[in-house]
């Protein structure tokens, strides 16, 4: 169930028992001319995926959702919606678990962590059809369970709040998204969004490793520049990173995340 504020703002909800992936469902309704502001939630997925086409395990009991937005912003600003979605996810997890920063933190560019263990991930993709630019935001949250065989620590919300449920989380998430997106949409709205994200950022000031197309690079995570690029202080000087995979601790040393 979406929150009352989200419904009043025109957001809609479709719930499926099982889909290939909620991202693909969003593409299908977009192709049929859907006007957007649509949440698609599935109880399970047969082919869920994360960044770079990685498989996302989808057992029942967790949250699998995609949000379809039609013409939400200029194409150049679309990457900023990842920070908006991250903040909304942080807000929702805090509301459901009672946890806050620094235990609940955002890992650049797309993960939610609890005590440095992955609890959720985001996927942001743009679509251009018939002159309309649309964005699909995929959200996967370990709610009832977390995968035991990941190369990094993973956790789930119910391990920290026994009454956590898909219904509560979705209501909180739809409420938080509406609020955060409305604030971001105001003139100069990315400034406060960026500041709020940095307040919740994991590993700020710490040494991290970024896997980039031209190879890994390590340095101190200094923050985000005004455009949302990661600021990395390396041995060769400062670098601005548009996109990449961030690793930390043992995973950074071993080249896995």
C-alpha atoms as a PDB file:
ATOM      1  CA  UNK A   1       0.000   0.000   0.000  1.00  0.00           C
ATOM      2  CA  UNK A   2       1.314   3.434  -0.917  1.00  0.00           C
ATOM      3  CA  UNK A   3       1.205   6.222   1.633  1.00  0.00           C
ATOM      4  CA  UNK A   4      -1.716   8.618   1.620  1.00  0.00           C
ATOM      5  CA  UNK A   5       0.566  11.493   0.595  1.00  0.00           C
ATOM      6  CA  UNK A   6       1.958   9.499  -2.342  1.00  0.00           C
ATOM      7  CA  UNK A   7      -1.517   8.571  -3.559  1.00  0.00           C
ATOM      8  CA  UNK A   8      -2.672  12.166  -3.234  1.00  0.00           C
ATOM      9  CA  UNK A   9       0.292  13.217  -5.368  1.00  0.00           C
ATOM     10  CA  UNK A  10      -0.833  10.886  -8.145  1.00  0.00           C
ATOM     11  CA  UNK A  11       1.385   7.859  -7.571  1.00  0.00           C
ATOM     12  CA  UNK A  12      -0.150   4.483  -8.398  1.00  0.00           C
ATOM     13  CA  UNK A  13       0.677   0.891  -7.483  1.00  0.00           C
ATOM     14  CA  UNK A  14       0.634  -2.437  -9.314  1.00  0.00           C
ATOM     15  CA  UNK A  15       1.375  -5.638  -7.363  1.00  0.00           C
ATOM     16  CA  UNK A  16       2.322  -8.868  -9.129  1.00  0.00           C
ATOM     17  CA  UNK A  17       2.792 -12.328  -7.635  1.00  0.00           C
ATOM     18  CA  UNK A  18       5.783 -13.199  -9.823  1.00  0.00           C
ATOM     19  CA  UNK A  19       7.527 -11.424 -12.682  1.00  0.00           C
ATOM     20  CA  UNK A  20      10.709 -11.792 -14.656  1.00  0.00           C
ATOM     21  CA  UNK A  21      11.796  -8.495 -13.067  1.00  0.00           C
ATOM     22  CA  UNK A  22       9.988  -5.350 -12.007  1.00  0.00           C
ATOM     23  CA  UNK A  23      12.286  -3.348 -14.296  1.00  0.00           C
ATOM     24  CA  UNK A  24      11.043  -5.329 -17.292  1.00  0.00           C
ATOM     25  CA  UNK A  25       7.445  -4.880 -16.140  1.00  0.00           C
ATOM     26  CA  UNK A  26       8.046  -1.125 -15.999  1.00  0.00           C
ATOM     27  CA  UNK A  27       9.423  -1.150 -19.540  1.00  0.00           C
ATOM     28  CA  UNK A  28       6.383  -3.072 -20.736  1.00  0.00           C
ATOM     29  CA  UNK A  29       3.854  -0.612 -19.331  1.00  0.00           C
ATOM     30  CA  UNK A  30       5.981   2.294 -20.567  1.00  0.00           C
ATOM     31  CA  UNK A  31       5.804   0.860 -24.090  1.00  0.00           C
ATOM     32  CA  UNK A  32       2.019   0.783 -23.718  1.00  0.00           C
ATOM     33  CA  UNK A  33       1.990   4.536 -23.002  1.00  0.00           C
ATOM     34  CA  UNK A  34       1.780   4.581 -19.215  1.00  0.00           C
ATOM     35  CA  UNK A  35       2.036   8.175 -17.900  1.00  0.00           C
ATOM     36  CA  UNK A  36       4.399   7.260 -15.084  1.00  0.00           C
ATOM     37  CA  UNK A  37       4.410   7.868 -11.326  1.00  0.00           C
ATOM     38  CA  UNK A  38       3.830   4.130 -11.125  1.00  0.00           C
ATOM     39  CA  UNK A  39       5.198   1.748  -8.485  1.00  0.00           C
ATOM     40  CA  UNK A  40       5.454  -1.878  -9.588  1.00  0.00           C
ATOM     41  CA  UNK A  41       5.988  -4.408  -6.798  1.00  0.00           C
ATOM     42  CA  UNK A  42       6.433  -8.167  -7.126  1.00  0.00           C
ATOM     43  CA  UNK A  43       6.359 -10.834  -4.446  1.00  0.00           C
ATOM     44  CA  UNK A  44       9.130 -12.676  -6.298  1.00  0.00           C
ATOM     45  CA  UNK A  45      11.240 -12.309  -9.432  1.00  0.00           C
ATOM     46  CA  UNK A  46      12.547 -14.971 -11.780  1.00  0.00           C
ATOM     47  CA  UNK A  47      15.308 -12.853 -13.284  1.00  0.00           C
ATOM     48  CA  UNK A  48      16.027  -9.942 -10.965  1.00  0.00           C
ATOM     49  CA  UNK A  49      19.206  -8.038 -11.724  1.00  0.00           C
ATOM     50  CA  UNK A  50      21.417  -5.364 -10.293  1.00  0.00           C
ATOM     51  CA  UNK A  51      24.065  -3.077 -11.763  1.00  0.00           C
ATOM     52  CA  UNK A  52      26.033  -4.269 -14.815  1.00  0.00           C
ATOM     53  CA  UNK A  53      23.505  -7.063 -15.385  1.00  0.00           C
ATOM     54  CA  UNK A  54      24.424  -8.924 -12.201  1.00  0.00           C
ATOM     55  CA  UNK A  55      21.854 -11.382 -10.925  1.00  0.00           C
ATOM     56  CA  UNK A  56      19.840 -10.224  -7.913  1.00  0.00           C
ATOM     57  CA  UNK A  57      18.508 -13.112  -5.840  1.00  0.00           C
ATOM     58  CA  UNK A  58      14.769 -12.739  -5.314  1.00  0.00           C
ATOM     59  CA  UNK A  59      13.330 -15.095  -2.686  1.00  0.00           C
ATOM     60  CA  UNK A  60       9.805 -14.351  -1.396  1.00  0.00           C
ATOM     61  CA  UNK A  61       9.504 -12.020   1.574  1.00  0.00           C
ATOM     62  CA  UNK A  62      11.816  -9.263   0.387  1.00  0.00           C
ATOM     63  CA  UNK A  63      10.855  -6.057  -1.415  1.00  0.00           C
ATOM     64  CA  UNK A  64      11.220  -5.979  -5.200  1.00  0.00           C
ATOM     65  CA  UNK A  65      10.001  -2.711  -6.648  1.00  0.00           C
ATOM     66  CA  UNK A  66      10.464  -0.405  -9.608  1.00  0.00           C
ATOM     67  CA  UNK A  67       9.278   3.166  -9.914  1.00  0.00           C
ATOM     68  CA  UNK A  68       8.452   4.438 -13.403  1.00  0.00           C
ATOM     69  CA  UNK A  69       8.809   8.185 -13.940  1.00  0.00           C
ATOM     70  CA  UNK A  70       7.940   9.781 -17.268  1.00  0.00           C
ATOM     71  CA  UNK A  71       9.660  13.085 -18.077  1.00  0.00           C
ATOM     72  CA  UNK A  72      10.815  13.633 -14.473  1.00  0.00           C
ATOM     73  CA  UNK A  73      13.705  15.944 -15.435  1.00  0.00           C
ATOM     74  CA  UNK A  74      16.240  16.842 -18.101  1.00  0.00           C
ATOM     75  CA  UNK A  75      18.352  13.918 -19.250  1.00  0.00           C
ATOM     76  CA  UNK A  76      21.536  15.475 -17.822  1.00  0.00           C
ATOM     77  CA  UNK A  77      20.003  15.630 -14.342  1.00  0.00           C
ATOM     78  CA  UNK A  78      18.750  12.038 -14.275  1.00  0.00           C
ATOM     79  CA  UNK A  79      21.789  10.623 -12.384  1.00  0.00           C
ATOM     80  CA  UNK A  80      20.870  12.863  -9.450  1.00  0.00           C
ATOM     81  CA  UNK A  81      17.717  10.803  -8.975  1.00  0.00           C
ATOM     82  CA  UNK A  82      19.925   8.004  -7.656  1.00  0.00           C
ATOM     83  CA  UNK A  83      20.794  10.197  -4.668  1.00  0.00           C
ATOM     84  CA  UNK A  84      17.117  11.098  -4.208  1.00  0.00           C
ATOM     85  CA  UNK A  85      16.184   7.417  -4.231  1.00  0.00           C
ATOM     86  CA  UNK A  86      19.009   6.577  -1.833  1.00  0.00           C
ATOM     87  CA  UNK A  87      17.776   9.151   0.657  1.00  0.00           C
ATOM     88  CA  UNK A  88      14.212   7.879   0.351  1.00  0.00           C
ATOM     89  CA  UNK A  89      15.397   4.327   0.963  1.00  0.00           C
ATOM     90  CA  UNK A  90      17.417   5.435   3.989  1.00  0.00           C
ATOM     91  CA  UNK A  91      14.389   7.307   5.369  1.00  0.00           C
ATOM     92  CA  UNK A  92      12.134   4.286   4.860  1.00  0.00           C
ATOM     93  CA  UNK A  93      14.555   1.817   6.452  1.00  0.00           C
ATOM     94  CA  UNK A  94      15.006   4.163   9.402  1.00  0.00           C
ATOM     95  CA  UNK A  95      11.227   4.394   9.854  1.00  0.00           C
ATOM     96  CA  UNK A  96      10.823   0.605   9.799  1.00  0.00           C
ATOM     97  CA  UNK A  97      13.873  -0.398  11.873  1.00  0.00           C
ATOM     98  CA  UNK A  98      14.355   2.590  14.166  1.00  0.00           C
ATOM     99  CA  UNK A  99      18.017   2.682  13.154  1.00  0.00           C
ATOM    100  CA  UNK A 100      19.822   5.838  12.091  1.00  0.00           C
ATOM    101  CA  UNK A 101      23.222   7.071  10.999  1.00  0.00           C
ATOM    102  CA  UNK A 102      25.933   5.905  11.201  1.00  0.00           C
ATOM    103  CA  UNK A 103      24.619   2.334  11.576  1.00  0.00           C
ATOM    104  CA  UNK A 104      22.303   2.931   8.634  1.00  0.00           C
ATOM    105  CA  UNK A 105      24.380   4.371   5.790  1.00  0.00           C
ATOM    106  CA  UNK A 106      24.466   4.929   2.029  1.00  0.00           C
ATOM    107  CA  UNK A 107      27.291   3.412  -0.009  1.00  0.00           C
ATOM    108  CA  UNK A 108      28.095   5.250  -3.219  1.00  0.00           C
ATOM    109  CA  UNK A 109      26.544   4.954  -5.678  1.00  0.00           C
ATOM    110  CA  UNK A 110      23.623   2.650  -4.987  1.00  0.00           C
ATOM    111  CA  UNK A 111      23.584   0.560  -1.790  1.00  0.00           C
ATOM    112  CA  UNK A 112      22.017   0.802   1.658  1.00  0.00           C
ATOM    113  CA  UNK A 113      24.121  -0.635   4.475  1.00  0.00           C
ATOM    114  CA  UNK A 114      23.350  -1.632   8.043  1.00  0.00           C
ATOM    115  CA  UNK A 115      26.481  -1.915  10.178  1.00  0.00           C
ATOM    116  CA  UNK A 116      28.483  -2.006   6.913  1.00  0.00           C
ATOM    117  CA  UNK A 117      26.518  -4.998   5.587  1.00  0.00           C
ATOM    118  CA  UNK A 118      24.457  -4.626   2.416  1.00  0.00           C
ATOM    119  CA  UNK A 119      20.712  -4.467   3.018  1.00  0.00           C
ATOM    120  CA  UNK A 120      19.445  -2.987  -0.243  1.00  0.00           C
ATOM    121  CA  UNK A 121      20.457  -1.890  -3.713  1.00  0.00           C
ATOM    122  CA  UNK A 122      19.264   0.573  -6.317  1.00  0.00           C
ATOM    123  CA  UNK A 123      19.357   0.485 -10.116  1.00  0.00           C
ATOM    124  CA  UNK A 124      18.670   3.570 -12.234  1.00  0.00           C
ATOM    125  CA  UNK A 125      18.008   3.310 -15.972  1.00  0.00           C
ATOM    126  CA  UNK A 126      16.821   5.820 -18.539  1.00  0.00           C
ATOM    127  CA  UNK A 127      14.518   5.142 -21.491  1.00  0.00           C
ATOM    128  CA  UNK A 128      13.754   7.327 -24.526  1.00  0.00           C
ATOM    129  CA  UNK A 129      10.600   6.507 -26.472  1.00  0.00           C
ATOM    130  CA  UNK A 130       8.746   8.656 -28.979  1.00  0.00           C
ATOM    131  CA  UNK A 131      10.481  11.801 -27.800  1.00  0.00           C
ATOM    132  CA  UNK A 132       9.766  11.105 -24.111  1.00  0.00           C
ATOM    133  CA  UNK A 133      12.576  10.550 -21.641  1.00  0.00           C
ATOM    134  CA  UNK A 134      11.680   8.271 -18.751  1.00  0.00           C
ATOM    135  CA  UNK A 135      13.513   6.881 -15.747  1.00  0.00           C
ATOM    136  CA  UNK A 136      13.001   3.523 -14.064  1.00  0.00           C
ATOM    137  CA  UNK A 137      14.342   3.132 -10.541  1.00  0.00           C
ATOM    138  CA  UNK A 138      14.697  -0.458  -9.390  1.00  0.00           C
ATOM    139  CA  UNK A 139      14.842  -1.121  -5.654  1.00  0.00           C
ATOM    140  CA  UNK A 140      15.637  -4.430  -4.013  1.00  0.00           C
ATOM    141  CA  UNK A 141      15.566  -4.670  -0.222  1.00  0.00           C
ATOM    142  CA  UNK A 142      16.639  -7.643   1.884  1.00  0.00           C
ATOM    143  CA  UNK A 143      13.705  -7.565   4.249  1.00  0.00           C
ATOM    144  CA  UNK A 144      12.907 -11.099   5.443  1.00  0.00           C
ATOM    145  CA  UNK A 145      16.214 -12.693   4.430  1.00  0.00           C
ATOM    146  CA  UNK A 146      19.643 -11.999   2.989  1.00  0.00           C
ATOM    147  CA  UNK A 147      21.830 -14.164   0.752  1.00  0.00           C
ATOM    148  CA  UNK A 148      24.325 -16.316   2.696  1.00  0.00           C
ATOM    149  CA  UNK A 149      26.873 -16.784  -0.105  1.00  0.00           C
ATOM    150  CA  UNK A 150      27.837 -13.232  -1.063  1.00  0.00           C
ATOM    151  CA  UNK A 151      31.515 -12.158  -1.227  1.00  0.00           C
ATOM    152  CA  UNK A 152      30.646  -9.310   1.166  1.00  0.00           C
ATOM    153  CA  UNK A 153      28.589  -9.025   4.328  1.00  0.00           C
ATOM    154  CA  UNK A 154      24.821  -8.896   3.829  1.00  0.00           C
ATOM    155  CA  UNK A 155      21.937  -8.401   6.227  1.00  0.00           C
ATOM    156  CA  UNK A 156      18.170  -7.921   6.206  1.00  0.00           C
ATOM    157  CA  UNK A 157      15.798  -5.521   7.927  1.00  0.00           C
ATOM    158  CA  UNK A 158      13.916  -8.164   9.924  1.00  0.00           C
ATOM    159  CA  UNK A 159      17.167  -9.042  11.683  1.00  0.00           C
ATOM    160  CA  UNK A 160      17.007  -5.568  13.231  1.00  0.00           C
ATOM    161  CA  UNK A 161      13.223  -5.155  13.507  1.00  0.00           C
ATOM    162  CA  UNK A 162      11.124  -8.289  13.854  1.00  0.00           C
ATOM    163  CA  UNK A 163       7.941  -6.479  12.757  1.00  0.00           C
ATOM    164  CA  UNK A 164       9.434  -5.268   9.459  1.00  0.00           C
ATOM    165  CA  UNK A 165       7.128  -6.061   6.533  1.00  0.00           C
ATOM    166  CA  UNK A 166       6.846  -5.318   2.835  1.00  0.00           C
ATOM    167  CA  UNK A 167       3.662  -3.317   3.457  1.00  0.00           C
ATOM    168  CA  UNK A 168       5.237  -1.061   6.092  1.00  0.00           C
ATOM    169  CA  UNK A 169       8.395  -0.557   4.079  1.00  0.00           C
ATOM    170  CA  UNK A 170       6.547   0.270   0.859  1.00  0.00           C
ATOM    171  CA  UNK A 171       4.311   2.806   2.590  1.00  0.00           C
ATOM    172  CA  UNK A 172       7.339   4.470   4.175  1.00  0.00           C
ATOM    173  CA  UNK A 173       9.322   4.346   0.920  1.00  0.00           C
ATOM    174  CA  UNK A 174       6.553   5.859  -1.212  1.00  0.00           C
ATOM    175  CA  UNK A 175       6.094   8.617   1.368  1.00  0.00           C
ATOM    176  CA  UNK A 176       9.823   9.345   1.549  1.00  0.00           C
ATOM    177  CA  UNK A 177      10.263   9.312  -2.226  1.00  0.00           C
ATOM    178  CA  UNK A 178       7.428  11.809  -2.733  1.00  0.00           C
ATOM    179  CA  UNK A 179       8.922  14.121  -0.094  1.00  0.00           C
ATOM    180  CA  UNK A 180      12.537  13.836  -1.267  1.00  0.00           C
ATOM    181  CA  UNK A 181      11.678  14.142  -4.959  1.00  0.00           C
ATOM    182  CA  UNK A 182       9.510  17.208  -4.316  1.00  0.00           C
ATOM    183  CA  UNK A 183      12.385  18.876  -2.446  1.00  0.00           C
ATOM    184  CA  UNK A 184      14.889  17.965  -5.185  1.00  0.00           C
ATOM    185  CA  UNK A 185      12.563  19.377  -7.857  1.00  0.00           C
ATOM    186  CA  UNK A 186      12.728  22.875  -6.355  1.00  0.00           C
ATOM    187  CA  UNK A 187      15.233  25.348  -7.873  1.00  0.00           C
ATOM    188  CA  UNK A 188      18.667  24.477  -6.511  1.00  0.00           C
ATOM    189  CA  UNK A 189      17.229  21.334  -4.945  1.00  0.00           C
ATOM    190  CA  UNK A 190      20.278  19.173  -5.531  1.00  0.00           C
ATOM    191  CA  UNK A 191      22.322  21.220  -3.047  1.00  0.00           C
ATOM    192  CA  UNK A 192      20.255  20.155  -0.011  1.00  0.00           C
ATOM    193  CA  UNK A 193      19.891  16.652  -1.472  1.00  0.00           C
ATOM    194  CA  UNK A 194      23.670  16.338  -1.827  1.00  0.00           C
ATOM    195  CA  UNK A 195      24.219  17.620   1.717  1.00  0.00           C
ATOM    196  CA  UNK A 196      21.653  15.190   3.149  1.00  0.00           C
ATOM    197  CA  UNK A 197      23.215  12.281   1.248  1.00  0.00           C
ATOM    198  CA  UNK A 198      26.695  13.133   2.544  1.00  0.00           C
ATOM    199  CA  UNK A 199      25.368  13.198   6.111  1.00  0.00           C
ATOM    200  CA  UNK A 200      24.414   9.536   5.612  1.00  0.00           C
ATOM    201  CA  UNK A 201      27.387   8.468   3.489  1.00  0.00           C
ATOM    202  CA  UNK A 202      29.372   5.354   4.351  1.00  0.00           C
ATOM    203  CA  UNK A 203      33.189   5.501   4.299  1.00  0.00           C
ATOM    204  CA  UNK A 204      33.424   9.277   4.024  1.00  0.00           C
ATOM    205  CA  UNK A 205      37.028  10.199   4.843  1.00  0.00           C
ATOM    206  CA  UNK A 206      38.154   6.575   4.565  1.00  0.00           C
ATOM    207  CA  UNK A 207      40.354   4.858   2.000  1.00  0.00           C
ATOM    208  CA  UNK A 208      38.295   3.014  -0.619  1.00  0.00           C
ATOM    209  CA  UNK A 209      38.921   1.376  -3.991  1.00  0.00           C
ATOM    210  CA  UNK A 210      36.953   2.212  -7.140  1.00  0.00           C
ATOM    211  CA  UNK A 211      36.778  -0.264  -9.992  1.00  0.00           C
ATOM    212  CA  UNK A 212      36.809   1.773 -13.212  1.00  0.00           C
ATOM    213  CA  UNK A 213      36.929   0.813 -16.911  1.00  0.00           C
ATOM    214  CA  UNK A 214      40.662   1.606 -16.987  1.00  0.00           C
ATOM    215  CA  UNK A 215      41.402  -0.344 -13.814  1.00  0.00           C
ATOM    216  CA  UNK A 216      41.065   0.046 -10.038  1.00  0.00           C
ATOM    217  CA  UNK A 217      42.063   3.222  -8.229  1.00  0.00           C
ATOM    218  CA  UNK A 218      42.336   3.770  -4.476  1.00  0.00           C
ATOM    219  CA  UNK A 219      42.191   6.902  -2.414  1.00  0.00           C
ATOM    220  CA  UNK A 220      40.392   8.787   0.325  1.00  0.00           C
ATOM    221  CA  UNK A 221      36.676   9.382  -0.222  1.00  0.00           C
ATOM    222  CA  UNK A 222      36.425  13.162   0.235  1.00  0.00           C
ATOM    223  CA  UNK A 223      32.799  13.758  -0.741  1.00  0.00           C
ATOM    224  CA  UNK A 224      30.653  14.682  -3.739  1.00  0.00           C
ATOM    225  CA  UNK A 225      31.216  17.634  -6.031  1.00  0.00           C
ATOM    226  CA  UNK A 226      28.283  19.972  -6.889  1.00  0.00           C
ATOM    227  CA  UNK A 227      27.371  17.717  -9.844  1.00  0.00           C
ATOM    228  CA  UNK A 228      27.272  14.559  -7.695  1.00  0.00           C
ATOM    229  CA  UNK A 229      30.595  13.065  -8.802  1.00  0.00           C
ATOM    230  CA  UNK A 230      32.625  11.218  -6.177  1.00  0.00           C
ATOM    231  CA  UNK A 231      35.698  13.144  -5.018  1.00  0.00           C
ATOM    232  CA  UNK A 232      38.664  10.826  -4.510  1.00  0.00           C
ATOM    233  CA  UNK A 233      42.028  11.940  -3.139  1.00  0.00           C
ATOM    234  CA  UNK A 234      44.604   9.608  -4.699  1.00  0.00           C
ATOM    235  CA  UNK A 235      48.378   9.397  -4.504  1.00  0.00           C
ATOM    236  CA  UNK A 236      48.460  11.082  -7.907  1.00  0.00           C
ATOM    237  CA  UNK A 237      46.121  13.896  -6.894  1.00  0.00           C
ATOM    238  CA  UNK A 238      42.362  14.473  -6.730  1.00  0.00           C
ATOM    239  CA  UNK A 239      40.011  12.678  -9.130  1.00  0.00           C
ATOM    240  CA  UNK A 240      36.328  13.059  -9.885  1.00  0.00           C
ATOM    241  CA  UNK A 241      34.495   9.783 -10.541  1.00  0.00           C
ATOM    242  CA  UNK A 242      31.241   9.751 -12.519  1.00  0.00           C
ATOM    243  CA  UNK A 243      30.499   6.041 -12.134  1.00  0.00           C
ATOM    244  CA  UNK A 244      32.132   2.914 -10.790  1.00  0.00           C
ATOM    245  CA  UNK A 245      31.962   0.211  -8.145  1.00  0.00           C
ATOM    246  CA  UNK A 246      33.183   1.093  -4.666  1.00  0.00           C
ATOM    247  CA  UNK A 247      34.908  -1.480  -2.463  1.00  0.00           C
ATOM    248  CA  UNK A 248      36.112  -1.270   1.102  1.00  0.00           C
ATOM    249  CA  UNK A 249      37.995  -3.291   3.693  1.00  0.00           C
ATOM    250  CA  UNK A 250      39.031  -6.821   2.715  1.00  0.00           C
ATOM    251  CA  UNK A 251      36.878  -6.698  -0.414  1.00  0.00           C
ATOM    252  CA  UNK A 252      38.850  -3.691  -1.659  1.00  0.00           C
ATOM    253  CA  UNK A 253      42.151  -5.485  -1.063  1.00  0.00           C
ATOM    254  CA  UNK A 254      40.951  -8.582  -2.906  1.00  0.00           C
ATOM    255  CA  UNK A 255      39.225  -6.741  -5.758  1.00  0.00           C
ATOM    256  CA  UNK A 256      35.700  -7.866  -4.971  1.00  0.00           C
ATOM    257  CA  UNK A 257      32.630  -6.093  -3.583  1.00  0.00           C
END
